[in-house]
Structures are given as C-alpha cells and as structure tokens.
Amino acid sequence: MFLKEDCFRLGHVSKAHGYKGEVSIFLDVDDPYDYKELESVFIEIDGKLIPFFLEYIRMRNNGYAVVKFELVDTEKQVNLILRKDLFLPLEVLPETEGNQFYYFEIEGYTVVDKEHGEIGTVLGIIDLSGNPIIQIDADGKEILIPKQDEFIEEVDRENQILHISAPPGLIEMYLE
C-alpha cells in the first residue's frame, strides 16, 4: 500500500464525460503528454490511496484528458471519484538534473539570493497560467520570485538550498 508522502499529486478528476463511465481528468504537471501511456493511478478516497487501472486515455488540450477506468461503468461509480485527487508514486518520476526541479521537490528548501544571502524558505510554487512563481516565507513575510531559468543559479539537493539571483529591487520591495 502506497502512502501519500511516497507519491506526488498528478492532478484530479474534474467531471464526468458522457454516461459510460468516462471522466475528464486534469493533469497538473509541466508536460501532460509525458503521461499519455498511463496505465494506473491512485485516487484518494476517504484519506486512502486506491489504485485505479485505465482502459484508455485520450489526451486533450490544456492539460486535460478523457479517461476510462476499469470497473467504473456507471454514473454512480463516476460520482464516487469526481473532484478527487490523482497520485502516482514518486519512483515513476525521472530524476531531475542541474537547475531543473519538480515543484514539490523544492518545498522547504532554504532560498539564498546572490545579493541578499539567505532570505527564507520555499513554501511552494504558484502556477499562474504557465508563469510559475516561487513562494518564499521570509520570517513571516511573503516574497514571490518568478521561476525563470535566468533567476535560478543552482539547486543544491544535498543541502536543500535554492540559490537564486533575483531581479534588482524585487526582494527590497517585499522587505521594506
């Protein structure tokens, strides 16, 4: 049995698609097409991760796909999984290298800016229409830094440090 902390959130079941057990899912990932060969997922139901096997998946636009799960054939069965989160084991993710990272991977990392030194801890990534922002807690103050390659200096996985070079004036704006 997989535990939630051993998995990453892939997306969610958004709505029913027709009346034969198909559902529309949203894949909340950088590249949804990486999952076009998906065979199974875990769906969180009542706090437990339950495995669901796919009969098929048809990719759509903007991160959506139409899925038919095995043994989900009726509207009543579909209603049990609507608006539920989808998970996959962390082990299926390819290793990231260099300055590339998964959003969840840097949560809790210490952020060190080239000019200001240590500024806080990564709370998470806010993804605004394809413009992700790194959300940082700086002793109770929120700092938002665009997640753009030119601002990421180094991802030190061993010491859990995210080295950045924030645009001039941005950090001062939050701390003053």
N, C-alpha and C. Protein backbone atom coordinates (compact mmCIF):
# COMPACT_ATOMS: atom_id res chain seq x y z
N MET A 1 0.85 -1.19 0.00
CA MET A 1 0.00 0.00 0.00
C MET A 1 0.89 1.25 0.00
N PHE A 2 0.61 2.15 -0.92
CA PHE A 2 1.38 3.38 -1.01
C PHE A 2 0.82 4.42 -0.05
N LEU A 3 1.72 5.16 0.57
CA LEU A 3 1.34 6.27 1.43
C LEU A 3 1.41 7.55 0.62
N LYS A 4 0.59 8.51 0.99
CA LYS A 4 0.53 9.77 0.26
C LYS A 4 1.90 10.45 0.19
N GLU A 5 2.70 10.36 1.26
CA GLU A 5 4.01 11.01 1.26
C GLU A 5 5.00 10.33 0.32
N ASP A 6 4.67 9.13 -0.18
CA ASP A 6 5.52 8.43 -1.14
C ASP A 6 5.06 8.69 -2.58
N CYS A 7 4.12 9.61 -2.73
CA CYS A 7 3.53 9.88 -4.04
C CYS A 7 3.55 11.38 -4.34
N PHE A 8 3.29 11.70 -5.59
CA PHE A 8 3.11 13.10 -5.97
C PHE A 8 1.72 13.24 -6.56
N ARG A 9 1.15 14.44 -6.39
CA ARG A 9 -0.18 14.72 -6.93
C ARG A 9 -0.06 14.96 -8.43
N LEU A 10 -0.74 14.13 -9.20
CA LEU A 10 -0.70 14.20 -10.65
C LEU A 10 -1.75 15.18 -11.18
N GLY A 11 -2.87 15.27 -10.50
CA GLY A 11 -3.97 16.12 -10.95
C GLY A 11 -5.23 15.73 -10.22
N HIS A 12 -6.38 15.83 -10.92
CA HIS A 12 -7.65 15.46 -10.30
C HIS A 12 -8.66 15.05 -11.35
N VAL A 13 -9.70 14.36 -10.89
CA VAL A 13 -10.83 14.00 -11.74
C VAL A 13 -11.73 15.22 -11.77
N SER A 14 -11.93 15.82 -12.93
CA SER A 14 -12.66 17.08 -12.97
C SER A 14 -14.17 16.92 -13.20
N LYS A 15 -14.56 16.03 -14.13
CA LYS A 15 -16.00 15.88 -14.38
C LYS A 15 -16.27 14.60 -15.15
N ALA A 16 -17.53 14.23 -15.17
CA ALA A 16 -17.97 13.08 -15.97
C ALA A 16 -17.87 13.46 -17.45
N HIS A 17 -17.63 12.46 -18.27
CA HIS A 17 -17.56 12.68 -19.72
C HIS A 17 -18.47 11.64 -20.36
N GLY A 18 -19.69 12.02 -20.63
CA GLY A 18 -20.65 11.06 -21.16
C GLY A 18 -21.30 10.24 -20.05
N TYR A 19 -21.88 9.10 -20.44
CA TYR A 19 -22.64 8.29 -19.48
C TYR A 19 -22.16 6.85 -19.39
N LYS A 20 -20.98 6.56 -19.91
CA LYS A 20 -20.48 5.19 -19.92
C LYS A 20 -19.26 5.00 -19.03
N GLY A 21 -19.11 5.90 -18.04
CA GLY A 21 -18.01 5.75 -17.10
C GLY A 21 -16.77 6.54 -17.43
N GLU A 22 -16.76 7.27 -18.54
CA GLU A 22 -15.60 8.09 -18.86
C GLU A 22 -15.59 9.33 -17.97
N VAL A 23 -14.37 9.80 -17.67
CA VAL A 23 -14.22 11.03 -16.90
C VAL A 23 -13.18 11.91 -17.57
N SER A 24 -13.28 13.19 -17.30
CA SER A 24 -12.27 14.14 -17.73
C SER A 24 -11.36 14.37 -16.54
N ILE A 25 -10.04 14.23 -16.76
CA ILE A 25 -9.08 14.48 -15.69
C ILE A 25 -8.22 15.67 -16.08
N PHE A 26 -7.74 16.37 -15.08
CA PHE A 26 -6.80 17.46 -15.30
C PHE A 26 -5.45 17.00 -14.79
N LEU A 27 -4.43 17.04 -15.65
CA LEU A 27 -3.07 16.65 -15.30
C LEU A 27 -2.30 17.93 -14.95
N ASP A 28 -2.07 18.14 -13.67
CA ASP A 28 -1.45 19.35 -13.17
C ASP A 28 0.07 19.19 -13.13
N VAL A 29 0.65 19.05 -14.33
CA VAL A 29 2.08 18.78 -14.48
C VAL A 29 2.64 19.65 -15.60
N ASP A 30 3.97 19.73 -15.67
CA ASP A 30 4.62 20.56 -16.69
C ASP A 30 4.24 20.12 -18.10
N ASP A 31 4.32 18.82 -18.37
CA ASP A 31 4.00 18.31 -19.71
C ASP A 31 3.05 17.13 -19.60
N PRO A 32 1.74 17.37 -19.74
CA PRO A 32 0.74 16.29 -19.63
C PRO A 32 1.00 15.13 -20.58
N TYR A 33 1.63 15.40 -21.74
CA TYR A 33 1.86 14.33 -22.72
C TYR A 33 2.88 13.31 -22.24
N ASP A 34 3.61 13.63 -21.17
CA ASP A 34 4.51 12.64 -20.55
C ASP A 34 3.70 11.47 -19.98
N TYR A 35 2.40 11.67 -19.78
CA TYR A 35 1.56 10.67 -19.13
C TYR A 35 0.54 10.05 -20.09
N LYS A 36 0.78 10.16 -21.39
CA LYS A 36 -0.16 9.64 -22.38
C LYS A 36 -0.22 8.12 -22.42
N GLU A 37 0.75 7.45 -21.82
CA GLU A 37 0.77 5.98 -21.76
C GLU A 37 0.40 5.47 -20.36
N LEU A 38 -0.22 6.31 -19.58
CA LEU A 38 -0.57 5.99 -18.20
C LEU A 38 -1.39 4.70 -18.13
N GLU A 39 -1.01 3.82 -17.22
CA GLU A 39 -1.72 2.55 -17.06
C GLU A 39 -2.56 2.52 -15.79
N SER A 40 -2.12 3.22 -14.75
CA SER A 40 -2.86 3.23 -13.49
C SER A 40 -2.53 4.49 -12.70
N VAL A 41 -3.40 4.82 -11.78
CA VAL A 41 -3.19 5.94 -10.86
C VAL A 41 -3.76 5.54 -9.50
N PHE A 42 -3.42 6.31 -8.51
CA PHE A 42 -4.08 6.18 -7.21
C PHE A 42 -5.05 7.34 -7.08
N ILE A 43 -6.24 7.06 -6.58
CA ILE A 43 -7.21 8.10 -6.31
C ILE A 43 -7.42 8.12 -4.80
N GLU A 44 -7.35 9.32 -4.23
CA GLU A 44 -7.53 9.45 -2.79
C GLU A 44 -9.03 9.46 -2.47
N ILE A 45 -9.45 8.44 -1.75
CA ILE A 45 -10.84 8.32 -1.32
C ILE A 45 -10.84 8.07 0.18
N ASP A 46 -11.52 8.94 0.91
CA ASP A 46 -11.59 8.83 2.37
C ASP A 46 -10.21 8.73 3.01
N GLY A 47 -9.25 9.51 2.49
CA GLY A 47 -7.91 9.56 3.06
C GLY A 47 -7.01 8.40 2.68
N LYS A 48 -7.49 7.49 1.83
CA LYS A 48 -6.68 6.34 1.42
C LYS A 48 -6.43 6.42 -0.08
N LEU A 49 -5.26 5.94 -0.49
CA LEU A 49 -4.94 5.89 -1.92
C LEU A 49 -5.37 4.54 -2.48
N ILE A 50 -6.33 4.59 -3.40
CA ILE A 50 -6.90 3.39 -4.00
C ILE A 50 -6.42 3.29 -5.44
N PRO A 51 -5.86 2.13 -5.85
CA PRO A 51 -5.40 2.01 -7.24
C PRO A 51 -6.56 1.88 -8.22
N PHE A 52 -6.45 2.58 -9.33
CA PHE A 52 -7.42 2.50 -10.42
C PHE A 52 -6.63 2.26 -11.70
N PHE A 53 -7.07 1.28 -12.48
CA PHE A 53 -6.41 0.94 -13.73
C PHE A 53 -7.18 1.54 -14.90
N LEU A 54 -6.44 2.05 -15.89
CA LEU A 54 -7.05 2.70 -17.03
C LEU A 54 -7.28 1.72 -18.17
N GLU A 55 -8.46 1.79 -18.76
CA GLU A 55 -8.71 1.06 -20.01
C GLU A 55 -8.08 1.84 -21.15
N TYR A 56 -8.22 3.18 -21.09
CA TYR A 56 -7.59 4.04 -22.10
C TYR A 56 -7.55 5.47 -21.59
N ILE A 57 -6.70 6.24 -22.28
CA ILE A 57 -6.60 7.68 -22.01
C ILE A 57 -6.48 8.37 -23.36
N ARG A 58 -7.25 9.46 -23.53
CA ARG A 58 -7.20 10.27 -24.75
C ARG A 58 -6.82 11.69 -24.32
N MET A 59 -5.68 12.14 -24.78
CA MET A 59 -5.19 13.46 -24.40
C MET A 59 -6.01 14.54 -25.09
N ARG A 60 -6.27 15.61 -24.35
CA ARG A 60 -6.97 16.79 -24.86
C ARG A 60 -6.03 17.99 -24.71
N ASN A 61 -6.56 19.18 -24.85
CA ASN A 61 -5.77 20.40 -24.72
C ASN A 61 -5.71 20.90 -23.28
N ASN A 62 -4.75 21.76 -23.01
CA ASN A 62 -4.63 22.47 -21.74
C ASN A 62 -4.55 21.57 -20.51
N GLY A 63 -3.92 20.41 -20.65
CA GLY A 63 -3.72 19.54 -19.50
C GLY A 63 -4.85 18.57 -19.22
N TYR A 64 -5.86 18.56 -20.04
CA TYR A 64 -7.00 17.66 -19.81
C TYR A 64 -6.86 16.38 -20.64
N ALA A 65 -7.48 15.32 -20.14
CA ALA A 65 -7.53 14.05 -20.85
C ALA A 65 -8.86 13.38 -20.51
N VAL A 66 -9.35 12.57 -21.43
CA VAL A 66 -10.53 11.75 -21.17
C VAL A 66 -10.02 10.35 -20.84
N VAL A 67 -10.53 9.81 -19.73
CA VAL A 67 -10.05 8.53 -19.22
C VAL A 67 -11.23 7.61 -18.97
N LYS A 68 -11.01 6.33 -19.25
CA LYS A 68 -11.96 5.29 -18.87
C LYS A 68 -11.22 4.37 -17.91
N PHE A 69 -11.68 4.34 -16.65
CA PHE A 69 -11.09 3.45 -15.65
C PHE A 69 -11.78 2.10 -15.71
N GLU A 70 -11.03 1.03 -15.47
CA GLU A 70 -11.61 -0.31 -15.36
C GLU A 70 -12.59 -0.31 -14.20
N LEU A 71 -13.70 -1.02 -14.35
CA LEU A 71 -14.71 -1.21 -13.31
C LEU A 71 -15.43 0.06 -12.90
N VAL A 72 -15.28 1.13 -13.67
CA VAL A 72 -16.06 2.35 -13.46
C VAL A 72 -16.93 2.49 -14.69
N ASP A 73 -18.20 2.05 -14.55
CA ASP A 73 -19.08 1.97 -15.72
C ASP A 73 -20.38 2.75 -15.58
N THR A 74 -20.69 3.19 -14.38
CA THR A 74 -21.98 3.85 -14.17
C THR A 74 -21.78 5.27 -13.63
N GLU A 75 -22.84 6.05 -13.74
CA GLU A 75 -22.81 7.42 -13.22
C GLU A 75 -22.56 7.42 -11.71
N LYS A 76 -23.13 6.45 -11.01
CA LYS A 76 -22.95 6.34 -9.57
C LYS A 76 -21.47 6.08 -9.23
N GLN A 77 -20.82 5.20 -9.98
CA GLN A 77 -19.40 4.91 -9.76
C GLN A 77 -18.53 6.13 -10.09
N VAL A 78 -18.89 6.85 -11.15
CA VAL A 78 -18.15 8.06 -11.52
C VAL A 78 -18.27 9.10 -10.41
N ASN A 79 -19.47 9.25 -9.84
CA ASN A 79 -19.68 10.25 -8.79
C ASN A 79 -18.79 10.01 -7.57
N LEU A 80 -18.39 8.76 -7.33
CA LEU A 80 -17.52 8.45 -6.19
C LEU A 80 -16.11 9.00 -6.37
N ILE A 81 -15.69 9.23 -7.61
CA ILE A 81 -14.32 9.70 -7.86
C ILE A 81 -14.24 11.15 -8.36
N LEU A 82 -15.39 11.79 -8.59
CA LEU A 82 -15.38 13.17 -9.07
C LEU A 82 -14.70 14.09 -8.06
N ARG A 83 -13.91 15.02 -8.59
CA ARG A 83 -13.19 16.02 -7.80
C ARG A 83 -12.21 15.40 -6.80
N LYS A 84 -11.79 14.17 -7.07
CA LYS A 84 -10.79 13.51 -6.23
C LYS A 84 -9.41 13.68 -6.86
N ASP A 85 -8.40 13.75 -5.99
CA ASP A 85 -7.02 13.91 -6.47
C ASP A 85 -6.45 12.60 -6.99
N LEU A 86 -5.59 12.73 -8.00
CA LEU A 86 -4.89 11.59 -8.61
C LEU A 86 -3.43 11.63 -8.16
N PHE A 87 -2.88 10.47 -7.84
CA PHE A 87 -1.49 10.38 -7.39
C PHE A 87 -0.75 9.29 -8.14
N LEU A 88 0.58 9.47 -8.22
CA LEU A 88 1.48 8.44 -8.73
C LEU A 88 2.65 8.33 -7.76
N PRO A 89 3.27 7.15 -7.69
CA PRO A 89 4.45 7.00 -6.82
C PRO A 89 5.60 7.90 -7.28
N LEU A 90 6.33 8.46 -6.33
CA LEU A 90 7.48 9.31 -6.64
C LEU A 90 8.49 8.58 -7.52
N GLU A 91 8.58 7.26 -7.35
CA GLU A 91 9.59 6.49 -8.09
C GLU A 91 9.39 6.49 -9.60
N VAL A 92 8.20 6.86 -10.09
CA VAL A 92 7.99 6.89 -11.54
C VAL A 92 8.49 8.18 -12.17
N LEU A 93 8.82 9.16 -11.35
CA LEU A 93 9.33 10.42 -11.89
C LEU A 93 10.78 10.26 -12.32
N PRO A 94 11.13 10.76 -13.49
CA PRO A 94 12.54 10.73 -13.87
C PRO A 94 13.33 11.67 -12.96
N GLU A 95 14.58 11.34 -12.71
CA GLU A 95 15.44 12.20 -11.89
C GLU A 95 15.62 13.55 -12.58
N THR A 96 15.61 14.60 -11.80
CA THR A 96 15.91 15.92 -12.36
C THR A 96 17.39 16.20 -12.18
N GLU A 97 17.92 17.02 -13.06
CA GLU A 97 19.34 17.33 -13.02
C GLU A 97 19.55 18.83 -13.11
N GLY A 98 20.71 19.27 -12.66
CA GLY A 98 21.07 20.67 -12.78
C GLY A 98 20.06 21.57 -12.08
N ASN A 99 19.64 22.61 -12.78
CA ASN A 99 18.72 23.58 -12.19
C ASN A 99 17.26 23.25 -12.45
N GLN A 100 16.98 22.08 -13.00
CA GLN A 100 15.60 21.66 -13.22
C GLN A 100 15.09 20.99 -11.94
N PHE A 101 13.82 21.18 -11.63
CA PHE A 101 13.24 20.57 -10.45
C PHE A 101 11.73 20.45 -10.59
N TYR A 102 11.18 19.50 -9.83
CA TYR A 102 9.73 19.39 -9.73
C TYR A 102 9.28 20.39 -8.67
N TYR A 103 8.10 20.93 -8.86
CA TYR A 103 7.61 21.96 -7.94
C TYR A 103 7.63 21.48 -6.50
N PHE A 104 7.13 20.28 -6.25
CA PHE A 104 7.05 19.78 -4.87
C PHE A 104 8.45 19.52 -4.29
N GLU A 105 9.41 19.28 -5.17
CA GLU A 105 10.76 18.89 -4.74
C GLU A 105 11.46 19.97 -3.92
N ILE A 106 11.20 21.25 -4.21
CA ILE A 106 11.94 22.31 -3.52
C ILE A 106 11.19 22.89 -2.32
N GLU A 107 9.99 22.37 -2.04
CA GLU A 107 9.27 22.85 -0.86
C GLU A 107 10.11 22.60 0.38
N GLY A 108 10.30 23.63 1.19
CA GLY A 108 11.11 23.52 2.39
C GLY A 108 12.57 23.88 2.19
N TYR A 109 12.99 24.06 0.94
CA TYR A 109 14.39 24.44 0.67
C TYR A 109 14.65 25.85 1.21
N THR A 110 15.86 26.08 1.66
CA THR A 110 16.31 27.41 2.04
C THR A 110 16.65 28.17 0.76
N VAL A 111 16.22 29.43 0.67
CA VAL A 111 16.49 30.25 -0.51
C VAL A 111 17.62 31.22 -0.18
N VAL A 112 18.66 31.19 -1.00
CA VAL A 112 19.80 32.08 -0.83
C VAL A 112 19.93 32.91 -2.11
N ASP A 113 19.81 34.24 -1.94
CA ASP A 113 19.94 35.15 -3.07
C ASP A 113 21.39 35.61 -3.21
N LYS A 114 21.83 35.80 -4.44
CA LYS A 114 23.21 36.21 -4.74
C LYS A 114 23.59 37.52 -4.04
N GLU A 115 22.65 38.47 -3.97
CA GLU A 115 22.91 39.78 -3.37
C GLU A 115 22.58 39.84 -1.88
N HIS A 116 21.50 39.18 -1.46
CA HIS A 116 20.96 39.35 -0.10
C HIS A 116 21.26 38.19 0.84
N GLY A 117 21.87 37.14 0.35
CA GLY A 117 22.13 35.97 1.20
C GLY A 117 20.85 35.19 1.46
N GLU A 118 20.77 34.55 2.61
CA GLU A 118 19.60 33.74 2.95
C GLU A 118 18.38 34.64 3.15
N ILE A 119 17.32 34.33 2.39
CA ILE A 119 16.12 35.17 2.50
C ILE A 119 14.90 34.44 3.05
N GLY A 120 14.89 33.12 3.05
CA GLY A 120 13.73 32.42 3.58
C GLY A 120 13.65 30.98 3.13
N THR A 121 12.42 30.45 3.20
CA THR A 121 12.15 29.05 2.89
C THR A 121 11.07 28.96 1.83
N VAL A 122 11.25 28.04 0.88
CA VAL A 122 10.25 27.85 -0.17
C VAL A 122 8.99 27.22 0.43
N LEU A 123 7.86 27.92 0.24
CA LEU A 123 6.57 27.39 0.67
C LEU A 123 5.96 26.52 -0.43
N GLY A 124 6.20 26.90 -1.68
CA GLY A 124 5.66 26.17 -2.81
C GLY A 124 5.79 26.98 -4.07
N ILE A 125 5.15 26.48 -5.12
CA ILE A 125 5.13 27.15 -6.41
C ILE A 125 3.69 27.49 -6.74
N ILE A 126 3.46 28.74 -7.09
CA ILE A 126 2.14 29.17 -7.54
C ILE A 126 2.22 29.20 -9.06
N ASP A 127 1.37 28.43 -9.74
CA ASP A 127 1.42 28.37 -11.19
C ASP A 127 0.29 29.22 -11.76
N LEU A 128 0.63 30.38 -12.24
CA LEU A 128 -0.35 31.31 -12.80
C LEU A 128 -0.29 31.27 -14.32
N SER A 129 -1.18 30.51 -14.92
CA SER A 129 -1.27 30.44 -16.38
C SER A 129 0.08 30.24 -17.05
N GLY A 130 0.83 29.27 -16.59
CA GLY A 130 2.11 28.97 -17.20
C GLY A 130 3.23 29.90 -16.78
N ASN A 131 2.99 30.75 -15.81
CA ASN A 131 4.02 31.65 -15.28
C ASN A 131 4.24 31.32 -13.81
N PRO A 132 4.98 30.25 -13.53
CA PRO A 132 5.15 29.83 -12.14
C PRO A 132 5.95 30.84 -11.32
N ILE A 133 5.55 30.96 -10.05
CA ILE A 133 6.18 31.88 -9.11
C ILE A 133 6.59 31.10 -7.88
N ILE A 134 7.83 31.31 -7.43
CA ILE A 134 8.32 30.66 -6.22
C ILE A 134 7.83 31.48 -5.03
N GLN A 135 7.08 30.83 -4.14
CA GLN A 135 6.55 31.48 -2.95
C GLN A 135 7.49 31.20 -1.78
N ILE A 136 8.01 32.28 -1.19
CA ILE A 136 9.02 32.17 -0.14
C ILE A 136 8.51 32.81 1.14
N ASP A 137 8.75 32.14 2.27
CA ASP A 137 8.45 32.72 3.57
C ASP A 137 9.74 33.30 4.13
N ALA A 138 9.76 34.64 4.31
CA ALA A 138 10.92 35.34 4.87
C ALA A 138 10.52 35.86 6.24
N ASP A 139 10.64 35.01 7.25
CA ASP A 139 10.26 35.38 8.62
C ASP A 139 8.86 35.98 8.68
N GLY A 140 7.90 35.30 8.07
CA GLY A 140 6.51 35.74 8.12
C GLY A 140 6.09 36.64 6.99
N LYS A 141 7.04 37.14 6.21
CA LYS A 141 6.70 37.96 5.04
C LYS A 141 6.79 37.09 3.80
N GLU A 142 5.86 37.31 2.89
CA GLU A 142 5.85 36.55 1.65
C GLU A 142 6.67 37.27 0.59
N ILE A 143 7.54 36.49 -0.07
CA ILE A 143 8.30 37.01 -1.22
C ILE A 143 7.96 36.11 -2.40
N LEU A 144 7.67 36.73 -3.54
CA LEU A 144 7.34 35.99 -4.75
C LEU A 144 8.39 36.29 -5.82
N ILE A 145 9.02 35.22 -6.29
CA ILE A 145 10.08 35.33 -7.31
C ILE A 145 9.65 34.53 -8.54
N PRO A 146 9.67 35.13 -9.73
CA PRO A 146 9.34 34.35 -10.94
C PRO A 146 10.27 33.15 -11.08
N LYS A 147 9.69 32.00 -11.41
CA LYS A 147 10.50 30.79 -11.63
C LYS A 147 10.95 30.80 -13.09
N GLN A 148 11.98 31.57 -13.33
CA GLN A 148 12.55 31.65 -14.67
C GLN A 148 14.00 31.22 -14.59
N ASP A 149 14.44 30.54 -15.63
CA ASP A 149 15.80 29.99 -15.65
C ASP A 149 16.87 31.02 -15.30
N GLU A 150 16.69 32.27 -15.76
CA GLU A 150 17.73 33.27 -15.52
C GLU A 150 17.85 33.68 -14.05
N PHE A 151 16.84 33.36 -13.22
CA PHE A 151 16.89 33.71 -11.80
C PHE A 151 17.36 32.55 -10.92
N ILE A 152 17.39 31.33 -11.48
CA ILE A 152 17.82 30.14 -10.73
C ILE A 152 19.31 29.93 -10.97
N GLU A 153 20.10 30.10 -9.93
CA GLU A 153 21.55 29.92 -10.03
C GLU A 153 21.95 28.46 -9.86
N GLU A 154 21.39 27.81 -8.81
CA GLU A 154 21.77 26.43 -8.52
C GLU A 154 20.70 25.79 -7.62
N VAL A 155 20.46 24.52 -7.86
CA VAL A 155 19.60 23.72 -6.98
C VAL A 155 20.51 22.73 -6.26
N ASP A 156 20.77 23.01 -4.98
CA ASP A 156 21.65 22.17 -4.17
C ASP A 156 20.76 21.16 -3.43
N ARG A 157 20.57 19.99 -4.05
CA ARG A 157 19.68 18.98 -3.49
C ARG A 157 20.24 18.38 -2.19
N GLU A 158 21.54 18.22 -2.13
CA GLU A 158 22.16 17.61 -0.97
C GLU A 158 21.90 18.43 0.30
N ASN A 159 22.02 19.77 0.19
CA ASN A 159 21.84 20.65 1.35
C ASN A 159 20.48 21.33 1.37
N GLN A 160 19.64 21.02 0.39
CA GLN A 160 18.30 21.59 0.24
C GLN A 160 18.35 23.12 0.24
N ILE A 161 19.14 23.64 -0.68
CA ILE A 161 19.28 25.09 -0.84
C ILE A 161 18.98 25.46 -2.29
N LEU A 162 18.16 26.48 -2.48
CA LEU A 162 17.87 27.02 -3.80
C LEU A 162 18.61 28.36 -3.90
N HIS A 163 19.63 28.40 -4.75
CA HIS A 163 20.41 29.62 -4.96
C HIS A 163 19.78 30.40 -6.11
N ILE A 164 19.45 31.66 -5.85
CA ILE A 164 18.81 32.49 -6.87
C ILE A 164 19.57 33.79 -7.07
N SER A 165 19.22 34.46 -8.14
CA SER A 165 19.70 35.81 -8.40
C SER A 165 18.46 36.61 -8.81
N ALA A 166 17.80 37.17 -7.79
CA ALA A 166 16.54 37.88 -8.02
C ALA A 166 16.77 39.15 -8.82
N PRO A 167 15.77 39.57 -9.58
CA PRO A 167 15.89 40.83 -10.33
C PRO A 167 16.16 41.99 -9.36
N PRO A 168 16.95 42.97 -9.78
CA PRO A 168 17.26 44.11 -8.91
C PRO A 168 16.00 44.79 -8.37
N GLY A 169 16.00 45.03 -7.06
CA GLY A 169 14.89 45.74 -6.42
C GLY A 169 13.72 44.88 -6.00
N LEU A 170 13.63 43.64 -6.48
CA LEU A 170 12.46 42.81 -6.17
C LEU A 170 12.40 42.41 -4.70
N ILE A 171 13.48 41.92 -4.16
CA ILE A 171 13.48 41.48 -2.76
C ILE A 171 13.29 42.70 -1.84
N GLU A 172 13.95 43.80 -2.13
CA GLU A 172 13.79 45.02 -1.32
C GLU A 172 12.33 45.45 -1.26
N MET A 173 11.63 45.30 -2.37
CA MET A 173 10.22 45.69 -2.42
C MET A 173 9.41 44.96 -1.36
N TYR A 174 9.73 43.68 -1.13
CA TYR A 174 8.99 42.89 -0.15
C TYR A 174 9.44 43.14 1.28
N LEU A 175 10.71 43.42 1.47
CA LEU A 175 11.25 43.51 2.82
C LEU A 175 11.19 44.89 3.42
N GLU A 176 10.91 45.91 2.61
CA GLU A 176 10.84 47.28 3.15
C GLU A 176 9.44 47.64 3.59
